Amino acid sequence: MKKFDMISMEVSPYNQRERNVFYESREFKMRVIDLAPGEGMPSCDMMSHVVFVCFEGKAEVVIGNERTTISRGQCLVTEPATISMNADTGVRLLGIQITPGNTE
C-alpha cells in the first residue's frame, strides 16, 4: 500500500512533466498535472485511456473534436484520443494513464 498527498505534493513545470510521475506499474502510470493560470497542455496523442481527477481549479479539455470543462471534484475518463488542455484560472489534476494491451 502507498499513500500520497495530492494537494501538497511538489510539482515540476509542464516542460519537466516526467518528473511529476509519482507511481508507475505495468498497468498504469500516475502523475500530477499542475497548470498555472493561462497555462496549457499542448495536443498529445494518447494511445490509451486516461483518467483525470481535478483537485483544484478548472480547465478546458479538448478530446478529439469535443470540448469539456473539468473542475474541482470532477473526474473525466477518455478513450484513446488526441488530448489538449487550457487552464485560464489554473488547475491541479491527477492524471492516470492506463497501459494499453495489458491483458495479464
N, C-alpha and C. Protein backbone atom coordinates (compact mmCIF):
# COMPACT_ATOMS: atom_id res chain seq x y z
N MET A 1 0.84 -1.17 0.00
CA MET A 1 0.00 0.00 0.00
C MET A 1 0.89 1.24 0.00
N LYS A 2 0.48 2.24 -0.79
CA LYS A 2 1.17 3.53 -0.82
C LYS A 2 0.12 4.61 -0.73
N LYS A 3 0.43 5.66 0.01
CA LYS A 3 -0.50 6.77 0.21
C LYS A 3 0.21 8.06 -0.21
N PHE A 4 -0.50 8.94 -0.95
CA PHE A 4 0.09 10.16 -1.47
C PHE A 4 -0.79 11.35 -1.12
N ASP A 5 -0.18 12.49 -0.79
CA ASP A 5 -0.90 13.73 -0.52
C ASP A 5 -0.92 14.56 -1.81
N MET A 6 -2.03 14.50 -2.51
CA MET A 6 -2.14 15.13 -3.82
C MET A 6 -2.18 16.65 -3.76
N ILE A 7 -2.61 17.21 -2.64
CA ILE A 7 -2.74 18.66 -2.54
C ILE A 7 -1.39 19.33 -2.30
N SER A 8 -0.56 18.77 -1.43
CA SER A 8 0.70 19.44 -1.09
C SER A 8 1.91 18.88 -1.85
N MET A 9 1.70 17.90 -2.71
CA MET A 9 2.80 17.31 -3.47
C MET A 9 3.47 18.39 -4.34
N GLU A 10 4.81 18.46 -4.29
CA GLU A 10 5.53 19.41 -5.14
C GLU A 10 5.48 18.94 -6.58
N VAL A 11 5.30 19.90 -7.48
CA VAL A 11 5.12 19.57 -8.89
C VAL A 11 6.09 20.39 -9.74
N SER A 12 6.71 19.75 -10.71
CA SER A 12 7.61 20.43 -11.65
C SER A 12 6.78 21.06 -12.76
N PRO A 13 7.34 22.05 -13.47
CA PRO A 13 6.62 22.67 -14.59
C PRO A 13 6.29 21.64 -15.67
N TYR A 14 5.33 21.97 -16.51
CA TYR A 14 4.86 21.04 -17.54
C TYR A 14 6.00 20.55 -18.44
N ASN A 15 6.95 21.44 -18.75
CA ASN A 15 8.04 21.01 -19.65
C ASN A 15 8.97 20.00 -18.99
N GLN A 16 8.79 19.73 -17.69
CA GLN A 16 9.53 18.69 -16.98
C GLN A 16 8.55 17.66 -16.43
N ARG A 17 7.45 17.43 -17.14
CA ARG A 17 6.33 16.62 -16.67
C ARG A 17 6.69 15.20 -16.27
N GLU A 18 7.72 14.63 -16.86
CA GLU A 18 8.10 13.26 -16.48
C GLU A 18 8.50 13.18 -15.01
N ARG A 19 8.97 14.29 -14.45
CA ARG A 19 9.33 14.32 -13.03
C ARG A 19 8.08 14.25 -12.14
N ASN A 20 6.91 14.51 -12.72
CA ASN A 20 5.66 14.51 -11.95
C ASN A 20 4.99 13.14 -11.88
N VAL A 21 5.59 12.14 -12.53
CA VAL A 21 5.09 10.77 -12.40
C VAL A 21 5.52 10.28 -11.02
N PHE A 22 4.54 9.99 -10.17
CA PHE A 22 4.87 9.56 -8.82
C PHE A 22 4.57 8.09 -8.56
N TYR A 23 3.92 7.43 -9.53
CA TYR A 23 3.69 5.99 -9.40
C TYR A 23 3.55 5.41 -10.79
N GLU A 24 4.25 4.27 -11.02
CA GLU A 24 4.18 3.62 -12.32
C GLU A 24 4.27 2.12 -12.14
N SER A 25 3.40 1.41 -12.84
CA SER A 25 3.41 -0.06 -12.86
C SER A 25 3.18 -0.50 -14.30
N ARG A 26 3.13 -1.81 -14.52
CA ARG A 26 2.85 -2.30 -15.88
C ARG A 26 1.46 -1.89 -16.35
N GLU A 27 0.52 -1.74 -15.43
CA GLU A 27 -0.88 -1.50 -15.77
C GLU A 27 -1.24 -0.02 -15.94
N PHE A 28 -0.56 0.87 -15.21
CA PHE A 28 -0.92 2.28 -15.28
C PHE A 28 0.22 3.16 -14.76
N LYS A 29 0.09 4.47 -15.08
CA LYS A 29 1.05 5.48 -14.64
C LYS A 29 0.25 6.65 -14.07
N MET A 30 0.70 7.20 -12.93
CA MET A 30 0.01 8.33 -12.30
C MET A 30 0.94 9.53 -12.20
N ARG A 31 0.40 10.71 -12.51
CA ARG A 31 1.18 11.94 -12.40
C ARG A 31 0.28 13.08 -11.95
N VAL A 32 0.89 14.08 -11.36
CA VAL A 32 0.19 15.31 -11.02
C VAL A 32 0.40 16.28 -12.17
N ILE A 33 -0.67 16.93 -12.57
CA ILE A 33 -0.61 17.97 -13.61
C ILE A 33 -1.02 19.26 -12.93
N ASP A 34 -0.13 20.22 -12.90
CA ASP A 34 -0.38 21.50 -12.24
C ASP A 34 -0.13 22.59 -13.26
N LEU A 35 -1.19 23.24 -13.72
CA LEU A 35 -1.07 24.30 -14.72
C LEU A 35 -1.40 25.64 -14.07
N ALA A 36 -0.53 26.61 -14.22
CA ALA A 36 -0.74 27.96 -13.71
C ALA A 36 -1.81 28.66 -14.55
N PRO A 37 -2.40 29.74 -14.02
CA PRO A 37 -3.39 30.49 -14.82
C PRO A 37 -2.83 30.85 -16.19
N GLY A 38 -3.61 30.54 -17.22
CA GLY A 38 -3.22 30.83 -18.59
C GLY A 38 -2.33 29.78 -19.23
N GLU A 39 -1.89 28.81 -18.45
CA GLU A 39 -1.00 27.78 -18.98
C GLU A 39 -1.83 26.67 -19.62
N GLY A 40 -1.22 25.92 -20.51
CA GLY A 40 -1.93 24.83 -21.18
C GLY A 40 -1.07 23.61 -21.37
N MET A 41 -1.71 22.56 -21.80
CA MET A 41 -1.04 21.31 -22.16
C MET A 41 -1.24 21.14 -23.66
N PRO A 42 -0.16 21.13 -24.46
CA PRO A 42 -0.34 21.00 -25.91
C PRO A 42 -0.94 19.66 -26.29
N SER A 43 -1.42 19.57 -27.51
CA SER A 43 -2.02 18.33 -28.01
C SER A 43 -1.07 17.16 -27.84
N CYS A 44 -1.64 16.06 -27.36
CA CYS A 44 -0.86 14.86 -27.12
C CYS A 44 -1.69 13.67 -27.60
N ASP A 45 -1.12 12.83 -28.46
CA ASP A 45 -1.82 11.65 -28.95
C ASP A 45 -1.68 10.53 -27.92
N MET A 46 -2.75 10.22 -27.23
CA MET A 46 -2.75 9.17 -26.20
C MET A 46 -3.26 7.88 -26.81
N MET A 47 -2.48 6.83 -26.69
CA MET A 47 -2.84 5.53 -27.25
C MET A 47 -3.61 4.68 -26.23
N SER A 48 -3.95 5.28 -25.09
CA SER A 48 -4.62 4.55 -24.03
C SER A 48 -5.72 5.40 -23.42
N HIS A 49 -6.52 4.77 -22.57
CA HIS A 49 -7.50 5.51 -21.78
C HIS A 49 -6.75 6.37 -20.77
N VAL A 50 -7.32 7.53 -20.46
CA VAL A 50 -6.75 8.42 -19.46
C VAL A 50 -7.88 8.85 -18.52
N VAL A 51 -7.54 8.92 -17.23
CA VAL A 51 -8.48 9.39 -16.21
C VAL A 51 -7.89 10.65 -15.62
N PHE A 52 -8.67 11.73 -15.55
CA PHE A 52 -8.27 12.97 -14.91
C PHE A 52 -9.17 13.19 -13.71
N VAL A 53 -8.59 13.51 -12.55
CA VAL A 53 -9.34 13.86 -11.35
C VAL A 53 -8.87 15.25 -10.94
N CYS A 54 -9.81 16.20 -10.85
CA CYS A 54 -9.47 17.59 -10.55
C CYS A 54 -9.55 17.85 -9.04
N PHE A 55 -8.45 18.38 -8.48
CA PHE A 55 -8.39 18.70 -7.06
C PHE A 55 -8.60 20.19 -6.80
N GLU A 56 -8.11 21.02 -7.68
CA GLU A 56 -8.21 22.47 -7.53
C GLU A 56 -8.35 23.11 -8.89
N GLY A 57 -9.12 24.20 -8.96
CA GLY A 57 -9.22 24.99 -10.17
C GLY A 57 -10.14 24.40 -11.23
N LYS A 58 -9.86 24.80 -12.46
CA LYS A 58 -10.72 24.42 -13.58
C LYS A 58 -9.90 24.49 -14.86
N ALA A 59 -10.21 23.60 -15.82
CA ALA A 59 -9.52 23.61 -17.11
C ALA A 59 -10.48 23.19 -18.21
N GLU A 60 -10.26 23.74 -19.40
CA GLU A 60 -10.96 23.28 -20.58
C GLU A 60 -10.13 22.16 -21.19
N VAL A 61 -10.78 21.05 -21.49
CA VAL A 61 -10.10 19.89 -22.05
C VAL A 61 -10.68 19.63 -23.44
N VAL A 62 -9.81 19.42 -24.41
CA VAL A 62 -10.24 19.07 -25.76
C VAL A 62 -9.80 17.63 -26.00
N ILE A 63 -10.80 16.77 -26.30
CA ILE A 63 -10.57 15.36 -26.56
C ILE A 63 -11.07 15.09 -27.97
N GLY A 64 -10.12 14.88 -28.89
CA GLY A 64 -10.53 14.75 -30.29
C GLY A 64 -11.14 16.07 -30.75
N ASN A 65 -12.41 16.04 -31.13
CA ASN A 65 -13.13 17.25 -31.55
C ASN A 65 -14.10 17.75 -30.50
N GLU A 66 -14.13 17.15 -29.33
CA GLU A 66 -15.06 17.54 -28.27
C GLU A 66 -14.38 18.39 -27.22
N ARG A 67 -15.10 19.40 -26.72
CA ARG A 67 -14.61 20.27 -25.65
C ARG A 67 -15.47 20.05 -24.41
N THR A 68 -14.79 20.08 -23.26
CA THR A 68 -15.49 19.99 -21.99
C THR A 68 -14.67 20.73 -20.95
N THR A 69 -15.25 20.97 -19.81
CA THR A 69 -14.56 21.61 -18.70
C THR A 69 -14.52 20.63 -17.53
N ILE A 70 -13.39 20.59 -16.84
CA ILE A 70 -13.27 19.80 -15.63
C ILE A 70 -12.92 20.77 -14.50
N SER A 71 -13.61 20.61 -13.37
CA SER A 71 -13.36 21.50 -12.24
C SER A 71 -13.30 20.68 -10.95
N ARG A 72 -12.96 21.36 -9.87
CA ARG A 72 -12.73 20.74 -8.57
C ARG A 72 -13.81 19.70 -8.23
N GLY A 73 -13.34 18.50 -7.90
CA GLY A 73 -14.25 17.42 -7.50
C GLY A 73 -14.75 16.58 -8.65
N GLN A 74 -14.40 16.92 -9.89
CA GLN A 74 -14.88 16.17 -11.05
C GLN A 74 -13.81 15.20 -11.57
N CYS A 75 -14.29 14.16 -12.24
CA CYS A 75 -13.44 13.13 -12.84
C CYS A 75 -13.83 13.03 -14.31
N LEU A 76 -12.84 12.91 -15.18
CA LEU A 76 -13.06 12.79 -16.62
C LEU A 76 -12.32 11.56 -17.11
N VAL A 77 -13.00 10.69 -17.84
CA VAL A 77 -12.40 9.48 -18.39
C VAL A 77 -12.43 9.61 -19.91
N THR A 78 -11.27 9.38 -20.55
CA THR A 78 -11.21 9.48 -22.00
C THR A 78 -10.85 8.13 -22.62
N GLU A 79 -11.30 7.94 -23.82
CA GLU A 79 -10.85 6.83 -24.66
C GLU A 79 -9.50 7.25 -25.26
N PRO A 80 -8.78 6.38 -25.93
CA PRO A 80 -7.57 6.81 -26.64
C PRO A 80 -7.94 7.93 -27.62
N ALA A 81 -7.20 9.04 -27.58
CA ALA A 81 -7.55 10.21 -28.40
C ALA A 81 -6.42 11.22 -28.35
N THR A 82 -6.57 12.29 -29.14
CA THR A 82 -5.69 13.44 -29.03
C THR A 82 -6.29 14.36 -27.97
N ILE A 83 -5.48 14.71 -26.98
CA ILE A 83 -5.97 15.48 -25.82
C ILE A 83 -5.12 16.74 -25.67
N SER A 84 -5.79 17.86 -25.38
CA SER A 84 -5.10 19.09 -25.00
C SER A 84 -5.89 19.74 -23.88
N MET A 85 -5.27 20.72 -23.22
CA MET A 85 -5.91 21.32 -22.05
C MET A 85 -5.47 22.77 -21.91
N ASN A 86 -6.35 23.64 -21.42
CA ASN A 86 -6.02 25.03 -21.13
C ASN A 86 -6.65 25.41 -19.81
N ALA A 87 -5.86 26.04 -18.94
CA ALA A 87 -6.34 26.40 -17.61
C ALA A 87 -6.31 27.92 -17.44
N ASP A 88 -7.43 28.58 -17.75
CA ASP A 88 -7.49 30.04 -17.61
C ASP A 88 -7.23 30.49 -16.18
N THR A 89 -7.74 29.73 -15.20
CA THR A 89 -7.61 30.12 -13.80
C THR A 89 -6.64 29.25 -13.03
N GLY A 90 -5.99 28.33 -13.69
CA GLY A 90 -5.08 27.39 -13.02
C GLY A 90 -5.82 26.12 -12.63
N VAL A 91 -5.08 25.00 -12.53
CA VAL A 91 -5.70 23.71 -12.21
C VAL A 91 -4.65 22.76 -11.66
N ARG A 92 -5.10 21.88 -10.77
CA ARG A 92 -4.26 20.75 -10.30
C ARG A 92 -5.08 19.49 -10.50
N LEU A 93 -4.51 18.56 -11.29
CA LEU A 93 -5.19 17.32 -11.63
C LEU A 93 -4.31 16.11 -11.30
N LEU A 94 -4.97 15.01 -11.09
CA LEU A 94 -4.32 13.71 -11.09
C LEU A 94 -4.60 13.12 -12.46
N GLY A 95 -3.56 12.70 -13.17
CA GLY A 95 -3.72 12.03 -14.46
C GLY A 95 -3.30 10.58 -14.32
N ILE A 96 -4.18 9.67 -14.72
CA ILE A 96 -3.88 8.26 -14.67
C ILE A 96 -3.95 7.73 -16.10
N GLN A 97 -2.82 7.25 -16.61
CA GLN A 97 -2.74 6.73 -17.96
C GLN A 97 -2.72 5.20 -17.88
N ILE A 98 -3.72 4.58 -18.49
CA ILE A 98 -3.84 3.12 -18.48
C ILE A 98 -2.92 2.56 -19.56
N THR A 99 -2.16 1.53 -19.23
CA THR A 99 -1.25 0.92 -20.19
C THR A 99 -2.05 0.09 -21.20
N PRO A 100 -1.95 0.40 -22.51
CA PRO A 100 -2.72 -0.36 -23.50
C PRO A 100 -2.19 -1.78 -23.69
N GLY A 101 -3.09 -2.67 -24.02
CA GLY A 101 -2.71 -4.03 -24.38
C GLY A 101 -2.32 -4.93 -23.24
N ASN A 102 -2.52 -4.50 -22.02
CA ASN A 102 -2.14 -5.32 -20.88
C ASN A 102 -3.30 -6.25 -20.55
N THR A 103 -3.16 -7.53 -20.83
CA THR A 103 -4.26 -8.49 -20.61
C THR A 103 -3.94 -9.49 -19.52
N GLU A 104 -2.79 -9.37 -18.90
CA GLU A 104 -2.43 -10.33 -17.84
C GLU A 104 -2.97 -9.90 -16.51
